[in-house]
C-alpha atoms as a PDB file:
ATOM      1  CA  MET A   1       0.011   0.216  -0.029  1.00  0.00           C
ATOM      2  CA  LEU A   2       2.707   2.542   0.940  1.00  0.00           C
ATOM      3  CA  GLU A   3       4.049   1.899  -2.624  1.00  0.00           C
ATOM      4  CA  LEU A   4       1.029   2.809  -4.349  1.00  0.00           C
ATOM      5  CA  LEU A   5       0.636   5.911  -2.280  1.00  0.00           C
ATOM      6  CA  THR A   6       4.143   6.871  -3.043  1.00  0.00           C
ATOM      7  CA  GLN A   7       3.533   6.688  -6.544  1.00  0.00           C
ATOM      8  CA  TYR A   8       0.047   8.583  -6.393  1.00  0.00           C
ATOM      9  CA  LEU A   9       1.955  11.367  -4.394  1.00  0.00           C
ATOM     10  CA  SER A  10       4.672  11.590  -7.076  1.00  0.00           C
ATOM     11  CA  ARG A  11       2.152  11.596  -9.834  1.00  0.00           C
ATOM     12  CA  THR A  12      -0.331  14.269  -8.287  1.00  0.00           C
ATOM     13  CA  ARG A  13       1.602  16.129  -5.817  1.00  0.00           C
ATOM     14  CA  SER A  14      -0.964  15.747  -3.031  1.00  0.00           C
ATOM     15  CA  LEU A  15      -2.000  12.746  -1.367  1.00  0.00           C
ATOM     16  CA  THR A  16      -4.500  12.258   1.874  1.00  0.00           C
ATOM     17  CA  ILE A  17      -4.053   9.494   4.148  1.00  0.00           C
ATOM     18  CA  PRO A  18      -6.818   9.151   6.801  1.00  0.00           C
ATOM     19  CA  HIS A  19      -5.894   9.479  10.539  1.00  0.00           C
ATOM     20  CA  LEU A  20      -2.785  11.215   9.563  1.00  0.00           C
ATOM     21  CA  GLY A  21      -3.144  14.050   7.213  1.00  0.00           C
ATOM     22  CA  ALA A  22      -2.758  15.491   3.809  1.00  0.00           C
ATOM     23  CA  PHE A  23       0.799  15.160   1.970  1.00  0.00           C
ATOM     24  CA  THR A  24       1.807  17.770  -0.599  1.00  0.00           C
ATOM     25  CA  LEU A  25       4.735  17.697  -2.661  1.00  0.00           C
ATOM     26  CA  GLU A  26       6.064  21.357  -3.233  1.00  0.00           C
ATOM     27  CA  ALA A  27       8.648  22.406  -5.697  1.00  0.00           C
ATOM     28  CA  VAL A  28      11.683  24.484  -4.663  1.00  0.00           C
ATOM     29  CA  PRO A  29      12.829  26.414  -7.747  1.00  0.00           C
ATOM     30  CA  ALA A  30      16.640  26.876  -8.537  1.00  0.00           C
ATOM     31  CA  GLN A  31      18.200  29.326  -6.558  1.00  0.00           C
ATOM     32  CA  ARG A  32      21.368  31.795  -7.482  1.00  0.00           C
ATOM     33  CA  ASN A  33      24.061  31.744  -4.644  1.00  0.00           C
ATOM     34  CA  VAL A  34      25.530  35.132  -5.632  1.00  0.00           C
ATOM     35  CA  VAL A  35      28.543  34.663  -3.047  1.00  0.00           C
ATOM     36  CA  ASP A  36      29.569  31.298  -4.339  1.00  0.00           C
ATOM     37  CA  GLN A  37      28.586  32.255  -7.958  1.00  0.00           C
ATOM     38  CA  VAL A  38      26.788  29.082  -8.402  1.00  0.00           C
ATOM     39  CA  ILE A  39      23.049  28.075  -9.276  1.00  0.00           C
ATOM     40  CA  LEU A  40      21.617  25.177  -7.028  1.00  0.00           C
ATOM     41  CA  GLY A  41      19.285  23.090  -9.221  1.00  0.00           C
ATOM     42  CA  PRO A  42      15.349  22.570  -8.361  1.00  0.00           C
ATOM     43  CA  ALA A  43      14.104  20.183  -5.974  1.00  0.00           C
ATOM     44  CA  PHE A  44      11.017  18.718  -4.390  1.00  0.00           C
ATOM     45  CA  HIS A  45      10.100  18.266  -0.648  1.00  0.00           C
ATOM     46  CA  VAL A  46       7.212  17.152   1.021  1.00  0.00           C
ATOM     47  CA  ALA A  47       4.744  19.153   3.397  1.00  0.00           C
ATOM     48  CA  VAL A  48       2.005  17.727   6.113  1.00  0.00           C
ATOM     49  CA  LEU A  49      -1.378  19.560   6.139  1.00  0.00           C
ATOM     50  CA  PRO A  50      -4.095  19.229   8.562  1.00  0.00           C
ATOM     51  CA  ALA A  51      -6.139  16.176   7.795  1.00  0.00           C
ATOM     52  CA  GLN A  52      -8.849  16.392   4.843  1.00  0.00           C
ATOM     53  CA  ALA A  53     -11.390  14.187   3.286  1.00  0.00           C
ATOM     54  CA  VAL A  54      -9.871  11.505   0.674  1.00  0.00           C
ATOM     55  CA  SER A  55     -10.633  12.890  -2.782  1.00  0.00           C
ATOM     56  CA  GLU A  56     -12.700  10.832  -5.237  1.00  0.00           C
ATOM     57  CA  ALA A  57      -9.723  11.096  -7.743  1.00  0.00           C
ATOM     58  CA  GLN A  58      -7.441   9.481  -4.978  1.00  0.00           C
ATOM     59  CA  LEU A  59     -10.140   6.746  -4.262  1.00  0.00           C
ATOM     60  CA  ASN A  60     -10.469   6.033  -7.877  1.00  0.00           C
ATOM     61  CA  TRP A  61      -6.638   5.645  -8.871  1.00  0.00           C
ATOM     62  CA  LEU A  62      -6.284   3.273  -5.829  1.00  0.00           C
ATOM     63  CA  ALA A  63      -9.316   1.282  -6.602  1.00  0.00           C
ATOM     64  CA  GLY A  64      -7.711   0.851 -10.018  1.00  0.00           C
ATOM     65  CA  ALA A  65      -4.473  -0.121  -8.970  1.00  0.00           C
ATOM     66  CA  LEU A  66      -5.621  -2.581  -6.346  1.00  0.00           C
ATOM     67  CA  SER A  67      -8.099  -4.026  -8.718  1.00  0.00           C
ATOM     68  CA  GLU A  68     -11.026  -3.616  -6.614  1.00  0.00           C
ATOM     69  CA  THR A  69     -14.042  -1.307  -5.674  1.00  0.00           C
ATOM     70  CA  GLU A  70     -13.632   2.172  -4.647  1.00  0.00           C
ATOM     71  CA  ARG A  71     -15.284   1.276  -1.318  1.00  0.00           C
ATOM     72  CA  SER A  72     -13.105  -1.746  -0.632  1.00  0.00           C
ATOM     73  CA  ALA A  73     -10.267   0.718  -1.461  1.00  0.00           C
ATOM     74  CA  GLY A  74     -11.421   3.396   1.077  1.00  0.00           C
ATOM     75  CA  GLU A  75     -11.492   0.832   3.577  1.00  0.00           C
ATOM     76  CA  ARG A  76      -8.235  -0.442   3.011  1.00  0.00           C
ATOM     77  CA  LEU A  77      -6.806   3.058   2.996  1.00  0.00           C
ATOM     78  CA  GLN A  78      -8.675   3.928   6.228  1.00  0.00           C
ATOM     79  CA  ALA A  79      -6.840   0.529   8.022  1.00  0.00           C
ATOM     80  CA  PHE A  80      -3.408   1.391   6.695  1.00  0.00           C
ATOM     81  CA  GLY A  81      -3.841   4.999   8.108  1.00  0.00           C
ATOM     82  CA  GLN A  82      -4.946   3.801  11.469  1.00  0.00           C
ATOM     83  CA  GLU A  83      -2.227   1.195  11.570  1.00  0.00           C
ATOM     84  CA  LEU A  84       0.538   3.831  10.476  1.00  0.00           C
ATOM     85  CA  GLN A  85      -0.696   6.202  13.193  1.00  0.00           C
ATOM     86  CA  GLN A  86      -0.479   3.647  15.755  1.00  0.00           C
ATOM     87  CA  GLN A  87       2.797   2.545  14.388  1.00  0.00           C
ATOM     88  CA  LEU A  88       3.913   6.610  15.196  1.00  0.00           C
ATOM     89  CA  HIS A  89       2.931   6.448  18.600  1.00  0.00           C
ATOM     90  CA  ARG A  90       5.291   3.754  19.232  1.00  0.00           C
ATOM     91  CA  GLY A  91       8.223   5.494  17.089  1.00  0.00           C
ATOM     92  CA  PRO A  92       9.167   7.223  14.059  1.00  0.00           C
ATOM     93  CA  PHE A  93       8.680   5.659  10.675  1.00  0.00           C
ATOM     94  CA  LEU A  94      10.886   6.207   7.500  1.00  0.00           C
ATOM     95  CA  TRP A  95       8.639   6.507   4.515  1.00  0.00           C
ATOM     96  CA  PRO A  96      11.390   5.883   1.575  1.00  0.00           C
ATOM     97  CA  GLY A  97      11.800   8.634  -0.760  1.00  0.00           C
ATOM     98  CA  VAL A  98       9.528  11.030   1.402  1.00  0.00           C
ATOM     99  CA  GLY A  99      11.079  11.516   4.712  1.00  0.00           C
ATOM    100  CA  LEU A 100      10.749  10.587   8.585  1.00  0.00           C
ATOM    101  CA  LEU A 101       7.360  10.473  10.071  1.00  0.00           C
ATOM    102  CA  HIS A 102       6.936  10.860  13.738  1.00  0.00           C
ATOM    103  CA  TRP A 103       3.975  11.908  16.089  1.00  0.00           C
ATOM    104  CA  GLN A 104       4.276  15.248  17.965  1.00  0.00           C
ATOM    105  CA  ASP A 105       1.642  17.523  19.607  1.00  0.00           C
ATOM    106  CA  GLY A 106      -1.125  15.127  18.572  1.00  0.00           C
ATOM    107  CA  SER A 107      -0.577  15.193  14.672  1.00  0.00           C
ATOM    108  CA  ALA A 108       1.712  13.618  12.450  1.00  0.00           C
ATOM    109  CA  GLN A 109       5.118  15.418  11.460  1.00  0.00           C
ATOM    110  CA  LEU A 110       7.747  14.793   8.943  1.00  0.00           C
ATOM    111  CA  GLN A 111      11.320  15.368   8.563  1.00  0.00           C
ATOM    112  CA  PRO A 112      11.734  15.573   4.691  1.00  0.00           C
ATOM    113  CA  ALA A 113      14.112  13.112   3.133  1.00  0.00           C
ATOM    114  CA  THR A 114      17.235  15.307   1.784  1.00  0.00           C
ATOM    115  CA  PRO A 115      16.203  15.034  -1.816  1.00  0.00           C
ATOM    116  CA  PRO A 116      18.524  14.105  -4.893  1.00  0.00           C
ATOM    117  CA  VAL A 117      19.459  18.017  -6.027  1.00  0.00           C
ATOM    118  CA  LEU A 118      21.175  18.359  -9.406  1.00  0.00           C
ATOM    119  CA  GLU A 119      24.686  19.365  -9.235  1.00  0.00           C
ATOM    120  CA  ALA A 120      25.253  22.820  -8.499  1.00  0.00           C
ATOM    121  CA  VAL A 121      26.037  24.706 -11.782  1.00  0.00           C
ATOM    122  CA  ALA A 122      28.840  27.643 -12.212  1.00  0.00           C
ATOM    123  CA  ALA A 123      27.281  30.986 -12.553  1.00  0.00           C
ATOM    124  CA  GLY A 124      30.232  33.624 -12.640  1.00  0.00           C
ATOM    125  CA  ARG A 125      30.055  36.725 -14.886  1.00  0.00           C
ATOM    126  CA  VAL A 126      31.739  35.954 -18.207  1.00  0.00           C
ATOM    127  CA  LEU A 127      33.690  39.048 -19.285  1.00  0.00           C
ATOM    128  CA  ARG A 128      35.207  38.906 -22.951  1.00  0.00           C
ATOM    129  CA  GLU A 129      37.447  41.369 -24.455  1.00  0.00           C
ATOM    130  CA  ASP A 130      37.198  42.390 -28.174  1.00  0.00           C
ATOM    131  CA  VAL A 131      34.199  40.335 -28.795  1.00  0.00           C
ATOM    132  CA  ARG A 132      32.962  40.916 -32.484  1.00  0.00           C
ATOM    133  CA  HIS A 133      29.698  40.057 -33.708  1.00  0.00           C
ATOM    134  CA  THR A 134      27.697  41.311 -36.694  1.00  0.00           C
ATOM    135  CA  VAL A 135      25.053  44.439 -35.699  1.00  0.00           C
ATOM    136  CA  ARG A 136      22.627  46.155 -38.123  1.00  0.00           C
ATOM    137  CA  GLN A 137      23.200  49.904 -38.746  1.00  0.00           C
ATOM    138  CA  GLY A 138      20.712  51.415 -40.773  1.00  0.00           C
ATOM    139  CA  GLU A 139      20.716  49.281 -44.043  1.00  0.00           C
ATOM    140  CA  GLN A 140      23.975  47.968 -43.524  1.00  0.00           C
ATOM    141  CA  GLU A 141      25.375  44.860 -41.586  1.00  0.00           C
ATOM    142  CA  VAL A 142      28.778  46.054 -39.735  1.00  0.00           C
ATOM    143  CA  GLN A 143      31.040  44.592 -37.289  1.00  0.00           C
ATOM    144  CA  SER A 144      30.382  45.701 -33.492  1.00  0.00           C
ATOM    145  CA  ALA A 145      33.549  47.183 -33.085  1.00  0.00           C
ATOM    146  CA  LEU A 146      32.919  49.370 -36.366  1.00  0.00           C
ATOM    147  CA  ALA A 147      29.605  50.302 -35.321  1.00  0.00           C
ATOM    148  CA  SER A 148      30.696  51.453 -31.546  1.00  0.00           C
ATOM    149  CA  ASP A 149      33.405  53.715 -33.484  1.00  0.00           C
ATOM    150  CA  THR A 150      30.922  55.207 -35.548  1.00  0.00           C
ATOM    151  CA  LEU A 151      28.278  55.949 -32.968  1.00  0.00           C
ATOM    152  CA  ASP A 152      31.072  57.314 -30.580  1.00  0.00           C
ATOM    153  CA  ALA A 153      32.364  59.443 -33.477  1.00  0.00           C
ATOM    154  CA  VAL A 154      29.009  61.148 -34.272  1.00  0.00           C
ATOM    155  CA  PRO A 155      28.654  63.236 -30.929  1.00  0.00           C
ATOM    156  CA  ALA A 156      31.973  64.425 -31.297  1.00  0.00           C
ATOM    157  CA  LYS A 157      31.731  65.803 -34.921  1.00  0.00           C
ATOM    158  CA  ARG A 158      28.264  67.411 -33.875  1.00  0.00           C
ATOM    159  CA  GLY A 159      30.336  69.019 -30.613  1.00  0.00           C
ATOM    160  CA  ASP A 160      32.794  70.602 -33.436  1.00  0.00           C
ATOM    161  CA  LEU A 161      29.838  71.895 -35.281  1.00  0.00           C
ATOM    162  CA  GLU A 162      28.412  73.679 -32.593  1.00  0.00           C
ATOM    163  CA  TRP A 163      31.451  75.028 -31.483  1.00  0.00           C
ATOM    164  CA  LEU A 164      32.180  76.460 -35.165  1.00  0.00           C
ATOM    165  CA  ALA A 165      28.491  77.824 -35.141  1.00  0.00           C
ATOM    166  CA  TRP A 166      28.957  79.654 -32.268  1.00  0.00           C
ATOM    167  CA  LEU A 167      32.121  81.032 -33.227  1.00  0.00           C
ATOM    168  CA  LEU A 168      30.677  82.436 -36.524  1.00  0.00           C
ATOM    169  CA  VAL A 169      27.668  84.043 -34.387  1.00  0.00           C
ATOM    170  CA  VAL A 170      30.037  85.767 -32.083  1.00  0.00           C
ATOM    171  CA  LEU A 171      32.353  87.046 -35.032  1.00  0.00           C
ATOM    172  CA  ALA A 172      29.249  88.225 -36.842  1.00  0.00           C
ATOM    173  CA  ALA A 173      27.933  90.188 -33.962  1.00  0.00           C
ATOM    174  CA  LEU A 174      31.433  91.613 -33.410  1.00  0.00           C
ATOM    175  CA  PHE A 175      31.286  92.738 -37.167  1.00  0.00           C
ATOM    176  CA  VAL A 176      27.954  94.078 -36.985  1.00  0.00           C
ATOM    177  CA  LEU A 177      29.023  96.223 -33.985  1.00  0.00           C
ATOM    178  CA  TYR A 178      32.177  97.328 -35.398  1.00  0.00           C
ATOM    179  CA  LEU A 179      30.375  98.619 -38.503  1.00  0.00           C
ATOM    180  CA  LEU A 180      27.729 100.607 -36.266  1.00  0.00           C
ATOM    181  CA  PHE A 181      30.555 102.579 -34.423  1.00  0.00           C
ATOM    182  CA  LYS A 182      32.425 103.039 -37.486  1.00  0.00           C
ATOM    183  CA  ASN A 183      29.514 105.287 -38.942  1.00  0.00           C
ATOM    184  CA  ASP A 184      28.973 107.396 -35.818  1.00  0.00           C
ATOM    185  CA  PHE A 185      26.319 105.174 -33.989  1.00  0.00           C
ATOM    186  CA  SER A 186      25.077 106.904 -31.091  1.00  0.00           C
ATOM    187  CA  VAL A 187      23.321 104.563 -28.371  1.00  0.00           C
ATOM    188  CA  HIS A 188      20.690 107.582 -27.964  1.00  0.00           C
ATOM    189  CA  SER A 189      19.690 107.827 -31.631  1.00  0.00           C
ATOM    190  CA  THR A 190      17.020 105.285 -32.386  1.00  0.00           C
ATOM    191  CA  GLY A 191      16.952 105.911 -35.976  1.00  0.00           C
ATOM    192  CA  LEU A 192      13.332 107.807 -36.116  1.00  0.00           C
ATOM    193  CA  GLN A 193      13.570 111.235 -37.430  1.00  0.00           C
ATOM    194  CA  VAL A 194      10.368 113.542 -36.303  1.00  0.00           C
ATOM    195  CA  SER A 195       9.903 116.703 -37.768  1.00  0.00           C
ATOM    196  CA  ALA A 196       8.828 119.739 -35.823  1.00  0.00           C
ATOM    197  CA  THR A 197       6.320 120.900 -38.891  1.00  0.00           C
ATOM    198  CA  GLY A 198       4.288 117.632 -38.846  1.00  0.00           C
ATOM    199  CA  PRO A 199       0.724 117.407 -39.064  1.00  0.00           C
ATOM    200  CA  PHE A 200       0.089 117.170 -35.510  1.00  0.00           C
END
């Protein structure tokens, strides 16, 4: 019976044993250990929840595996749960592949077995120098080093052009001021002439 229940737990990730509780198979995702620069593989562990009613799907599967009716399979499951509970009152029970069951504080407790874990994979940062690959720049495909040189050169040319434009503006302003002062420009004159004999 225990082997069948282990199969059902691994297939459906949940199992109820009367008199003990519900067992769920929980996935632990892969984790990255930044300090050691490794990725630890995913794993599974079993948790125990308070007792629940046995599901119809579990009874149906168990009846098919035992080649008997759901009612007789349910009775066998009840008897197995009661017997396992009595055994736990006497001492711990090792459930192969699941963990060590023991009775504590009026309920079944589980110390999960150490699951087989995939070997840790190195996750160090790889820094490559002078890596070249093809990059699309407009309608052309160019090498990445050439594209970065081109992109770096564009702001420098624009900066040169801005500097040249400002220089031309300042020179033009100085030239206009020179012409104005050379022709007796007065700050007080506005360029408007008002005749004293006007219509007003």
